Amino acid sequence: MNLFDGLLGAIGFLTTLPAGKTNRFVHLQKRTYLFPVAGVLIGIILGVIATILMVLLPGHPGIFSVLMIISIYCLTGFNHLDALSDFGDGITAHGSREKKVGALKDMALGTGGVAFIVLYFLLLFVLIQSLVAIEIGTRLGSGIGISLLVAEVASKHSMITTASLGKPIHQGMGSVIADNTGPWQLLVSFLILAAVCTVAMGVAGLAVLVMAMLLSVVVVVISNRHFGGINGDCIGTSNELARLVALGTTFIIYSGGLVAWMPW
């Protein structure tokens, strides 16, 4: 029962879907490997929406991209997007580490945060539109839907990777997640999603997952340099940036790769 409550806690925490009692987050704390399981649900829903939109809007990649972005945030909410803006404010702030942490935690939106959000949406729009424009063949069928599914599960695993590798800088939601995420949770999450990504896209899916993990390492390194560790905003930032990295990796793979020796 606690496992089921933990899964509902993950769904309630990561989506706007009704997931019952709010105290289920307590059961999620020691089962953070369930984040990616909730990511599978998110990915399936977005994949279905993408497939429907491709049928309804053939030949309109721009409109499709806008509607998919709206769908992503209607389903997942804006918490992680807010984290990305705070992260942008923090790392672009001038001065001491204390001032950077202050900017990271400040509720007001600064220039750095605005720039990060604008660039993020531009890249997300371009990547989705570019994926629509190429033919994607996967083990589970053709289309953008599978790519979005793999991107979502990879982005949720990226959060687990960041929480596992990072050191919390203060008490809060981020420290609760990080303190309860260790090598075991990271391994379980990876094994679950490696299977999901491989079934969905073969070796290419595994490559997408690994690239999302590498993005997490970059976020942790940047966070350590600017803030001396991580907080919830750094974890949420991993989710958003890993989505871009996953979609970008998928585009590189299915558009022919950057170099001739790529195995896909």
Protein backbone atom coordinates (compact mmCIF):
# COMPACT_ATOMS: atom_id res chain seq x y z
CA MET A 1 0.00 0.00 0.00
CA ASN A 2 2.86 2.38 0.81
CA LEU A 3 4.33 1.71 -2.63
CA PHE A 4 1.01 2.57 -4.26
CA ASP A 5 0.72 5.70 -2.13
CA GLY A 6 4.26 6.62 -3.16
CA LEU A 7 3.33 6.27 -6.83
CA LEU A 8 0.28 8.46 -6.33
CA GLY A 9 2.53 10.91 -4.50
CA ALA A 10 4.85 11.01 -7.50
CA ILE A 11 1.92 11.59 -9.85
CA GLY A 12 0.56 14.35 -7.61
CA PHE A 13 3.99 15.96 -7.28
CA LEU A 14 4.97 15.84 -10.96
CA THR A 15 1.62 16.41 -12.68
CA THR A 16 -1.59 18.37 -12.40
CA LEU A 17 -3.58 15.13 -12.30
CA PRO A 18 -5.70 14.51 -9.18
CA ALA A 19 -3.84 12.00 -7.03
CA GLY A 20 -5.84 11.95 -3.82
CA LYS A 21 -4.40 12.77 -0.41
CA THR A 22 -1.59 15.32 -0.27
CA ASN A 23 0.19 13.43 2.54
CA ARG A 24 1.16 10.73 0.06
CA PHE A 25 4.39 12.68 -0.55
CA VAL A 26 5.57 11.16 2.74
CA HIS A 27 5.46 7.72 1.11
CA LEU A 28 7.29 9.10 -1.95
CA GLN A 29 10.26 10.44 0.02
CA LYS A 30 11.96 7.06 0.41
CA ARG A 31 10.84 5.89 -3.03
CA THR A 32 12.12 8.64 -5.30
CA TYR A 33 12.82 5.99 -7.94
CA LEU A 34 9.07 6.26 -8.61
CA PHE A 35 9.60 9.66 -10.25
CA PRO A 36 10.46 8.02 -13.59
CA VAL A 37 7.47 5.64 -13.25
CA ALA A 38 5.25 8.72 -13.10
CA GLY A 39 7.26 9.98 -16.07
CA VAL A 40 6.15 6.92 -18.05
CA LEU A 41 2.52 7.91 -17.42
CA ILE A 42 3.22 11.50 -18.45
CA GLY A 43 5.02 10.30 -21.56
CA ILE A 44 2.20 7.97 -22.58
CA ILE A 45 -0.38 10.73 -22.23
CA LEU A 46 1.75 13.17 -24.24
CA GLY A 47 2.46 10.47 -26.82
CA VAL A 48 -1.26 9.87 -27.31
CA ILE A 49 -1.92 13.61 -27.61
CA ALA A 50 0.92 13.93 -30.15
CA THR A 51 -0.40 11.05 -32.23
CA ILE A 52 -3.90 12.55 -32.29
CA LEU A 53 -2.56 15.99 -33.25
CA MET A 54 -0.47 14.49 -36.05
CA VAL A 55 -3.64 12.96 -37.50
CA LEU A 56 -5.67 16.14 -37.08
CA LEU A 57 -2.96 18.60 -38.18
CA PRO A 58 -0.91 16.99 -40.96
CA GLY A 59 1.49 19.41 -42.57
CA HIS A 60 1.31 22.00 -39.78
CA PRO A 61 4.43 21.46 -37.64
CA GLY A 62 4.37 24.96 -36.17
CA ILE A 63 0.82 24.69 -34.85
CA PHE A 64 1.53 21.14 -33.70
CA SER A 65 4.58 22.32 -31.72
CA VAL A 66 2.68 25.11 -29.98
CA LEU A 67 -0.17 22.77 -29.01
CA MET A 68 2.29 20.16 -27.73
CA ILE A 69 4.09 22.71 -25.56
CA ILE A 70 0.74 23.80 -24.15
CA SER A 71 -0.14 20.15 -23.50
CA ILE A 72 3.16 19.52 -21.70
CA TYR A 73 2.57 22.32 -19.22
CA CYS A 74 -1.13 21.72 -18.79
CA LEU A 75 -0.17 18.19 -17.73
CA THR A 76 2.99 18.86 -15.71
CA GLY A 77 2.33 22.32 -14.32
CA PHE A 78 4.82 25.19 -14.03
CA ASN A 79 6.81 24.25 -10.92
CA HIS A 80 9.87 23.06 -12.80
CA LEU A 81 9.66 25.94 -15.26
CA ASP A 82 9.71 28.29 -12.27
CA ALA A 83 12.76 26.39 -11.01
CA LEU A 84 14.51 27.02 -14.34
CA SER A 85 13.86 30.76 -14.09
CA ASP A 86 15.19 30.85 -10.51
CA PHE A 87 18.26 28.88 -11.62
CA GLY A 88 18.84 31.41 -14.40
CA ASP A 89 18.58 34.30 -11.96
CA GLY A 90 21.02 32.59 -9.60
CA ILE A 91 23.83 31.77 -12.01
CA THR A 92 23.64 35.15 -13.79
CA ALA A 93 23.69 37.15 -10.55
CA HIS A 94 26.91 39.10 -9.93
CA GLY A 95 28.80 39.01 -6.68
CA SER A 96 29.48 36.50 -3.95
CA ARG A 97 28.09 33.01 -3.59
CA GLU A 98 25.70 34.33 -0.94
CA LYS A 99 24.28 36.84 -3.42
CA LYS A 100 23.86 34.11 -6.02
CA VAL A 101 22.03 31.88 -3.55
CA GLY A 102 19.88 34.87 -2.59
CA ALA A 103 18.96 35.41 -6.25
CA LEU A 104 18.24 31.69 -6.60
CA LYS A 105 15.81 31.78 -3.68
CA ASP A 106 14.29 35.19 -4.52
CA MET A 107 10.62 35.00 -5.49
CA ALA A 108 10.99 37.87 -7.98
CA LEU A 109 11.77 37.12 -11.62
CA GLY A 110 14.98 38.72 -12.88
CA THR A 111 16.55 39.27 -16.28
CA GLY A 112 18.52 36.02 -16.13
CA GLY A 113 15.38 34.04 -15.42
CA VAL A 114 13.49 35.71 -18.27
CA ALA A 115 16.35 34.99 -20.69
CA PHE A 116 16.48 31.33 -19.65
CA ILE A 117 12.73 30.88 -20.11
CA VAL A 118 12.65 32.61 -23.51
CA LEU A 119 15.60 30.59 -24.83
CA TYR A 120 14.14 27.40 -23.39
CA PHE A 121 10.81 27.82 -25.19
CA LEU A 122 12.51 28.78 -28.43
CA LEU A 123 14.64 25.64 -28.34
CA LEU A 124 11.70 23.44 -27.31
CA PHE A 125 9.59 24.78 -30.16
CA VAL A 126 12.38 24.32 -32.73
CA LEU A 127 13.21 20.78 -31.57
CA ILE A 128 9.60 19.57 -31.62
CA GLN A 129 9.02 21.17 -35.02
CA SER A 130 12.25 19.62 -36.35
CA LEU A 131 11.28 16.16 -35.09
CA VAL A 132 7.92 16.44 -36.82
CA ALA A 133 9.71 17.25 -40.06
CA ILE A 134 11.74 14.01 -40.12
CA GLU A 135 10.55 10.43 -40.33
CA ILE A 136 11.06 8.63 -37.03
CA GLY A 137 10.78 4.86 -36.98
CA THR A 138 10.85 3.10 -33.61
CA ARG A 139 10.12 -0.36 -32.25
CA LEU A 140 6.70 0.81 -31.08
CA GLY A 141 5.80 2.57 -34.30
CA SER A 142 6.53 5.78 -36.13
CA GLY A 143 6.02 9.32 -34.98
CA ILE A 144 6.80 12.08 -32.56
CA GLY A 145 4.76 10.43 -29.78
CA ILE A 146 7.45 7.87 -28.88
CA SER A 147 10.09 10.60 -28.86
CA LEU A 148 8.09 12.65 -26.38
CA LEU A 149 7.54 9.60 -24.17
CA VAL A 150 11.26 8.83 -24.01
CA ALA A 151 12.07 12.52 -23.43
CA GLU A 152 9.73 12.67 -20.43
CA VAL A 153 11.03 9.53 -18.74
CA ALA A 154 14.63 10.65 -19.37
CA SER A 155 13.92 14.06 -17.85
CA LYS A 156 12.48 12.47 -14.71
CA HIS A 157 15.54 10.24 -14.37
CA SER A 158 17.65 13.37 -14.74
CA MET A 159 16.03 14.72 -11.58
CA ILE A 160 16.96 11.53 -9.71
CA THR A 161 20.54 11.80 -11.00
CA THR A 162 20.87 15.41 -9.84
CA ALA A 163 19.37 14.62 -6.44
CA SER A 164 21.68 11.63 -6.04
CA LEU A 165 24.89 13.47 -6.98
CA GLY A 166 24.19 16.86 -5.41
CA LYS A 167 24.66 18.18 -1.88
CA PRO A 168 21.74 20.26 -0.51
CA ILE A 169 22.58 23.85 0.40
CA HIS A 170 19.58 24.39 2.69
CA GLN A 171 16.55 22.64 4.11
CA GLY A 172 13.50 22.41 1.86
CA MET A 173 11.77 20.23 -0.69
CA GLY A 174 15.04 19.78 -2.59
CA SER A 175 16.91 18.57 0.48
CA VAL A 176 14.13 16.11 1.31
CA ILE A 177 14.44 14.60 -2.17
CA ALA A 178 18.25 14.66 -2.22
CA ASP A 179 18.62 13.20 1.29
CA ASN A 180 16.42 10.27 0.32
CA THR A 181 18.00 9.64 -3.08
CA GLY A 182 21.15 7.57 -3.12
CA PRO A 183 22.91 5.05 -5.38
CA TRP A 184 20.17 2.45 -4.83
CA GLN A 185 17.34 4.75 -5.95
CA LEU A 186 19.44 5.90 -8.89
CA LEU A 187 20.16 2.30 -9.96
CA VAL A 188 16.53 1.19 -9.69
CA SER A 189 15.39 4.23 -11.68
CA PHE A 190 18.02 3.61 -14.35
CA LEU A 191 17.16 -0.08 -14.74
CA ILE A 192 13.44 0.65 -15.06
CA LEU A 193 13.93 3.39 -17.62
CA ALA A 194 16.70 1.65 -19.54
CA ALA A 195 14.18 -1.11 -20.21
CA VAL A 196 11.45 1.38 -21.17
CA CYS A 197 13.69 3.43 -23.47
CA THR A 198 15.23 0.36 -25.12
CA VAL A 199 11.83 -1.20 -25.82
CA ALA A 200 10.57 2.11 -27.21
CA MET A 201 13.53 3.16 -29.36
CA GLY A 202 16.20 0.47 -29.18
CA VAL A 203 19.83 1.55 -28.69
CA ALA A 204 18.80 5.09 -29.56
CA GLY A 205 16.51 5.22 -26.52
CA LEU A 206 19.36 4.17 -24.25
CA ALA A 207 21.54 6.90 -25.77
CA VAL A 208 18.86 9.48 -25.00
CA LEU A 209 18.70 8.33 -21.38
CA VAL A 210 22.48 8.51 -20.96
CA MET A 211 22.61 12.02 -22.45
CA ALA A 212 19.94 13.16 -19.96
CA MET A 213 22.09 11.77 -17.14
CA LEU A 214 25.13 13.64 -18.44
CA LEU A 215 23.05 16.83 -18.45
CA SER A 216 22.39 16.25 -14.75
CA VAL A 217 26.12 16.04 -14.10
CA VAL A 218 26.54 19.41 -15.83
CA VAL A 219 23.77 20.96 -13.70
CA VAL A 220 25.38 19.65 -10.51
CA VAL A 221 28.81 21.00 -11.52
CA ILE A 222 27.35 24.43 -12.34
CA SER A 223 25.32 24.44 -9.12
CA ASN A 224 28.37 23.54 -7.03
CA ARG A 225 30.37 26.32 -8.66
CA HIS A 226 27.76 29.04 -8.19
CA PHE A 227 25.84 27.95 -5.09
CA GLY A 228 28.01 25.42 -3.31
CA GLY A 229 25.46 22.66 -3.85
CA ILE A 230 21.91 22.08 -5.07
CA ASN A 231 18.36 22.86 -4.01
CA GLY A 232 14.92 22.06 -5.40
CA ASP A 233 15.34 24.62 -8.20
CA CYS A 234 18.47 22.82 -9.43
CA ILE A 235 16.60 19.51 -9.47
CA GLY A 236 13.67 21.08 -11.33
CA THR A 237 16.07 22.69 -13.79
CA SER A 238 17.45 19.25 -14.62
CA ASN A 239 13.95 18.15 -15.60
CA GLU A 240 13.45 21.01 -18.05
CA LEU A 241 16.92 20.99 -19.60
CA ALA A 242 16.99 17.19 -19.86
CA ARG A 243 13.81 17.36 -21.95
CA LEU A 244 15.66 19.58 -24.42
CA VAL A 245 18.72 17.33 -24.41
CA ALA A 246 16.56 14.23 -24.94
CA LEU A 247 14.67 15.75 -27.86
CA GLY A 248 17.89 17.13 -29.34
CA THR A 249 19.60 13.75 -29.07
CA THR A 250 16.62 12.08 -30.73
CA PHE A 251 16.73 14.59 -33.58
CA ILE A 252 20.47 14.02 -34.11
CA ILE A 253 19.99 10.25 -34.18
CA TYR A 254 17.02 10.15 -36.55
CA SER A 255 18.28 12.89 -38.87
CA GLY A 256 21.30 10.74 -39.66
CA GLY A 257 23.69 11.50 -36.81
CA LEU A 258 26.52 13.98 -36.61
CA VAL A 259 29.23 11.52 -37.58
CA ALA A 260 29.37 8.52 -39.89
CA TRP A 261 30.27 5.97 -37.20
CA MET A 262 27.11 6.46 -35.16
CA PRO A 263 25.42 3.02 -34.90
CA TRP A 264 21.87 4.15 -35.66
